[in-house]
Protein backbone atom coordinates (compact mmCIF):
# COMPACT_ATOMS: atom_id res chain seq x y z
CA MET A 1 95.88 81.58 117.27
CA HIS A 2 95.55 80.72 113.66
CA ASN A 3 92.13 81.38 111.80
CA ILE A 4 91.19 79.07 108.91
CA LEU A 5 88.03 79.61 106.70
CA MET A 6 86.48 76.38 105.77
CA VAL A 7 84.35 76.56 102.87
CA SER A 8 81.48 73.86 101.93
CA GLU A 9 77.96 73.53 100.79
CA SER A 10 77.55 70.72 102.96
CA GLN A 11 78.47 69.61 106.58
CA GLY A 12 79.56 65.87 106.28
CA TYR A 13 81.56 63.75 108.37
CA LEU A 14 85.23 64.54 106.94
CA GLN A 15 84.44 68.45 107.45
CA VAL A 16 83.46 68.22 111.07
CA THR A 17 86.40 65.71 111.94
CA LEU A 18 88.87 67.80 110.33
CA GLN A 19 87.46 70.91 111.88
CA GLY A 20 87.72 69.42 115.20
CA ARG A 21 91.11 67.94 114.85
CA LEU A 22 92.36 71.61 113.78
CA GLU A 23 90.47 73.07 116.97
CA GLN A 24 92.27 70.71 119.14
CA MET A 25 95.58 72.11 117.63
CA GLY A 26 94.70 75.79 118.82
CA CYS A 27 93.10 77.02 115.54
CA LYS A 28 90.02 78.72 115.17
CA VAL A 29 87.94 77.28 112.25
CA ILE A 30 85.01 79.48 110.29
CA SER A 31 83.04 76.91 108.66
CA LEU A 32 80.58 78.68 105.94
CA PRO A 33 79.13 78.21 102.74
CA ALA A 34 80.29 80.07 99.55
CA ASP A 35 77.92 83.06 100.09
CA PRO A 36 79.58 86.34 99.65
CA ASP A 37 77.01 87.96 102.01
CA ILE A 38 77.63 85.66 104.71
CA ILE A 39 81.65 85.63 104.21
CA SER A 40 81.78 89.47 103.96
CA LYS A 41 80.46 89.69 107.37
CA VAL A 42 83.61 87.70 108.78
CA ARG A 43 85.87 90.13 110.62
CA ASP A 44 88.47 87.81 111.88
CA HIS A 45 91.60 88.08 110.03
CA ILE A 46 92.00 84.99 107.74
CA ASP A 47 95.16 82.92 107.62
CA LEU A 48 94.21 80.10 105.33
CA LEU A 49 91.39 79.20 103.04
CA PHE A 50 90.29 75.71 102.94
CA LEU A 51 87.79 74.54 100.30
CA MET A 52 85.75 71.17 100.43
CA VAL A 53 85.21 70.84 96.85
CA ASP A 54 82.37 68.91 95.32
CA GLU A 55 79.74 69.56 92.56
CA ALA A 56 77.52 71.84 94.89
CA LEU A 57 80.39 74.09 95.66
CA LEU A 58 81.58 74.01 91.98
CA ALA A 59 77.90 75.29 90.99
CA GLN A 60 78.43 78.52 93.58
CA ASN A 61 80.25 80.36 90.75
CA GLY A 62 79.78 84.09 92.10
CA GLY A 63 80.94 82.61 95.69
CA LEU A 64 83.94 81.22 94.29
CA ILE A 65 84.85 84.55 92.34
CA TYR A 66 84.61 86.45 95.60
CA LEU A 67 86.92 83.86 97.59
CA LYS A 68 89.31 84.06 94.72
CA ASP A 69 89.21 87.88 94.95
CA LYS A 70 89.48 88.16 98.82
CA ALA A 71 92.37 85.42 98.85
CA VAL A 72 94.18 87.72 96.34
CA GLU A 73 93.41 90.81 98.06
CA GLU A 74 94.42 89.51 101.47
CA SER A 75 97.13 87.25 100.21
CA ILE A 76 95.56 84.01 101.87
CA PRO A 77 96.94 80.66 100.80
CA ILE A 78 94.29 78.44 99.42
CA PHE A 79 94.20 74.67 99.95
CA VAL A 80 91.55 72.41 98.43
CA THR A 81 90.22 68.59 98.95
CA GLY A 82 87.91 66.59 96.64
CA ASP A 83 87.81 63.91 94.26
CA GLU A 84 90.01 64.07 91.07
CA ASP A 85 87.19 65.54 88.79
CA ALA A 86 86.28 68.01 91.30
CA LEU A 87 89.98 69.10 91.85
CA GLU A 88 90.60 69.38 88.00
CA LYS A 89 87.56 71.54 87.51
CA ILE A 90 88.74 73.77 90.44
CA ARG A 91 92.26 74.07 89.37
CA ASN A 92 91.30 74.91 85.76
CA GLY A 93 88.48 77.39 86.60
CA VAL A 94 88.45 80.53 88.92
CA PHE A 95 91.26 79.37 91.28
CA ILE A 96 93.99 78.54 88.34
CA HIS A 97 97.26 79.21 89.41
CA SER A 98 96.06 80.14 92.87
CA ILE A 99 96.03 76.91 94.95
CA GLN A 100 98.95 76.13 97.26
CA ARG A 101 98.20 72.32 97.49
CA GLU A 102 95.57 69.60 96.57
CA PHE A 103 94.57 66.87 98.89
CA PRO A 104 92.77 64.46 96.80
CA ARG A 105 90.13 62.05 98.45
CA PRO A 106 90.12 59.87 100.37
CA ILE A 107 92.27 61.87 102.92
CA ASN A 108 93.85 61.07 106.49
CA VAL A 109 92.43 63.71 108.44
CA GLY A 110 95.16 63.82 110.77
CA GLU A 111 97.72 64.25 108.15
CA VAL A 112 95.99 66.98 106.55
CA ALA A 113 95.65 68.95 109.85
CA GLU A 114 99.23 68.44 110.63
CA HIS A 115 100.13 69.64 107.19
CA LEU A 116 97.75 72.94 107.31
CA TYR A 117 98.90 73.58 110.70
CA GLU A 118 102.83 73.43 110.11
CA TYR A 119 102.23 75.42 107.16
CA MET A 120 100.77 78.25 109.10
CA GLN A 121 103.38 77.75 111.69
CA ASN A 122 106.23 78.31 109.36
CA TYR A 123 104.83 80.71 106.81
CA GLY A 124 102.34 82.57 108.95
CA LYS A 125 101.84 86.18 108.54
CA GLN A 126 101.80 87.36 111.99
CA ASN A 127 105.38 88.74 112.08
CA LYS A 128 105.67 89.81 108.26
CA LYS A 129 105.49 93.47 107.36
CA LYS A 130 102.28 94.21 105.44
CA ILE A 131 102.59 96.05 101.87
CA LEU A 132 99.88 97.13 99.79
CA VAL A 133 100.77 97.14 95.97
CA VAL A 134 98.51 99.17 93.97
CA ASP A 135 98.78 98.78 90.32
CA ASP A 136 96.36 98.51 87.31
CA SER A 137 98.31 95.86 85.57
CA GLY A 138 97.72 92.14 87.04
CA MET A 139 100.98 91.19 85.50
CA VAL A 140 102.83 93.80 87.79
CA LEU A 141 100.75 92.80 90.81
CA ARG A 142 101.69 89.45 90.43
CA SER A 143 105.22 89.75 89.72
CA VAL A 144 105.73 91.94 92.77
CA GLU A 145 103.83 89.21 94.87
CA GLU A 146 106.28 86.53 93.67
CA TRP A 147 109.23 88.71 94.33
CA LEU A 148 108.32 90.00 97.71
CA GLY A 149 105.95 87.34 99.02
CA ASP A 150 108.28 85.06 100.81
CA THR A 151 109.18 88.00 103.08
CA TYR A 152 106.34 90.13 103.39
CA GLN A 153 102.72 89.78 103.41
CA ILE A 154 101.47 91.32 100.26
CA PHE A 155 98.00 92.91 99.64
CA MET A 156 97.01 94.10 96.23
CA ALA A 157 94.78 96.54 94.66
CA ASN A 158 94.20 97.24 90.83
CA SER A 159 93.08 100.75 91.13
CA GLY A 160 93.34 103.81 93.25
CA MET A 161 89.75 103.53 94.42
CA MET A 162 90.24 99.93 95.61
CA ALA A 163 93.56 100.88 97.43
CA ILE A 164 91.43 103.61 99.45
CA LYS A 165 88.83 101.12 100.24
CA TYR A 166 91.42 98.93 101.39
CA LEU A 167 92.73 101.38 103.71
CA THR A 168 89.26 102.00 105.47
CA SER A 169 89.65 98.76 107.49
CA ASN A 170 93.50 97.86 107.03
CA ARG A 171 96.55 99.74 108.00
CA PRO A 172 99.82 98.27 105.94
CA ASP A 173 103.33 99.06 106.87
CA LEU A 174 104.21 100.37 103.32
CA ILE A 175 102.28 101.09 100.10
CA LEU A 176 104.04 100.54 96.60
CA LEU A 177 101.83 102.86 94.37
CA ASP A 178 101.62 102.87 90.43
CA TYR A 179 102.27 106.46 89.31
CA GLU A 180 100.40 106.03 86.44
CA MET A 181 96.88 104.56 86.38
CA PRO A 182 93.72 105.49 84.85
CA VAL A 183 90.80 107.23 86.52
CA VAL A 184 92.36 107.88 89.77
CA ASP A 185 96.41 108.23 89.30
CA GLY A 186 99.18 107.60 91.89
CA SER A 187 99.57 111.34 92.59
CA GLN A 188 95.75 111.68 93.26
CA VAL A 189 95.86 108.49 95.58
CA LEU A 190 98.85 110.06 97.30
CA GLU A 191 97.20 113.22 98.10
CA MET A 192 94.15 111.59 99.34
CA ILE A 193 95.97 109.31 101.86
CA ARG A 194 98.19 112.21 103.11
CA SER A 195 95.05 114.26 103.57
CA ASP A 196 93.54 111.96 106.27
CA PRO A 197 95.17 112.64 109.62
CA GLU A 198 95.07 108.98 110.17
CA PHE A 199 97.34 108.11 107.18
CA SER A 200 99.16 111.21 106.85
CA ASP A 201 102.71 109.47 107.76
CA MET A 202 101.98 106.26 105.69
CA PRO A 203 105.14 105.48 103.81
CA ILE A 204 104.47 105.48 100.21
CA ILE A 205 107.04 104.19 97.32
CA PHE A 206 106.07 104.98 93.79
CA LEU A 207 106.37 102.60 91.14
CA THR A 208 106.92 103.95 87.76
CA GLY A 209 107.94 102.65 84.35
CA LYS A 210 109.80 105.88 83.41
CA SER A 211 113.40 106.37 84.43
CA ASP A 212 114.39 109.65 82.57
CA LYS A 213 115.29 112.81 84.66
CA GLU A 214 112.24 114.78 84.07
CA SER A 215 109.84 111.91 84.93
CA VAL A 216 111.74 111.20 88.18
CA GLN A 217 111.74 114.52 89.17
CA LYS A 218 108.00 114.81 88.60
CA VAL A 219 107.43 112.06 90.50
CA MET A 220 109.65 113.09 93.45
CA ALA A 221 108.27 116.39 93.65
CA LEU A 222 105.30 114.74 95.28
CA LYS A 223 107.50 114.02 98.20
CA PRO A 224 106.86 109.99 98.52
CA ASP A 225 109.42 108.01 100.53
CA GLY A 226 111.00 106.84 97.44
CA TYR A 227 110.53 105.34 94.07
CA LEU A 228 111.09 102.18 92.42
CA LEU A 229 111.58 101.52 88.53
CA LYS A 230 109.43 98.64 87.25
CA THR A 231 112.50 97.43 85.19
CA MET A 232 114.62 96.92 88.01
CA PRO A 233 115.76 93.43 88.49
CA PRO A 234 113.85 91.64 91.22
CA GLU A 235 116.96 91.21 93.40
CA GLN A 236 117.31 95.02 93.41
CA ILE A 237 113.60 95.71 94.08
CA ARG A 238 113.75 93.20 97.22
CA GLN A 239 116.96 95.08 98.46
CA THR A 240 115.55 98.48 98.23
CA VAL A 241 112.32 97.44 100.11
CA ALA A 242 114.59 95.67 102.83
CA ASP A 243 116.68 98.71 102.86
CA PHE A 244 113.84 100.95 103.30
CA PHE A 245 112.57 98.96 106.39
CA GLU A 246 116.04 98.73 108.05
CA LYS A 247 116.18 102.44 107.81
CA ARG A 248 112.70 103.00 109.12
CA LYS A 249 113.59 100.65 112.12
CA ALA A 250 116.48 102.55 112.84
CA ARG A 251 114.66 105.92 112.82
CA VAL A 252 111.51 104.93 114.63
CA GLY A 253 112.62 101.97 116.51
CA LYS A 254 110.08 99.64 114.87
């Protein structure tokens, strides 16, 4: 079953009709206002975020920021509908560069429902390996998501502590961990993860910007499952990650 989080500040005919059509297709639709306290209590995995954009929703800046962060951290695709003025405001605001597709009003409910369902069927996350990317650079996080997002389900954390927090309720198939980060660096994060019996066997590959022999030896002395240079061509990074999963599948049978 696909889970859709539909966010609106008012429940109108359009929302009710679209929700009903999606539920007929077998989707679970969770309809909520843009309230972080309410949304944070949702325990279902969200496959798609759908925003019913109007002035009331645009006024919920705190809620929109929370939704944007949630979508980035959990790699949730964002779809929106609204009139042209509302869409222009949301695309140039908090959600800049993050919206998968816009549906300008008036909309054909059946066509929108079909598009959302088809998207989840074709690009659903159920069978994708989960990779947690940890780096204090937003540019690196966005680049890795761009390089690997078509093949894997990418989750992102911009600090070591955010990564640890993520692991309290999630278990990725691989962690790509920046070696050099402020406050809590990669070596400390690796030590914390490996000290927890539940995650002692968690695969961890270091991301590093240094390729000299001494730096590489220092990284590998911590016994990660490998390392990737941030300067590698994207094709080589993709191939290295694919090879890792192939070797692991051959070794453990999954």
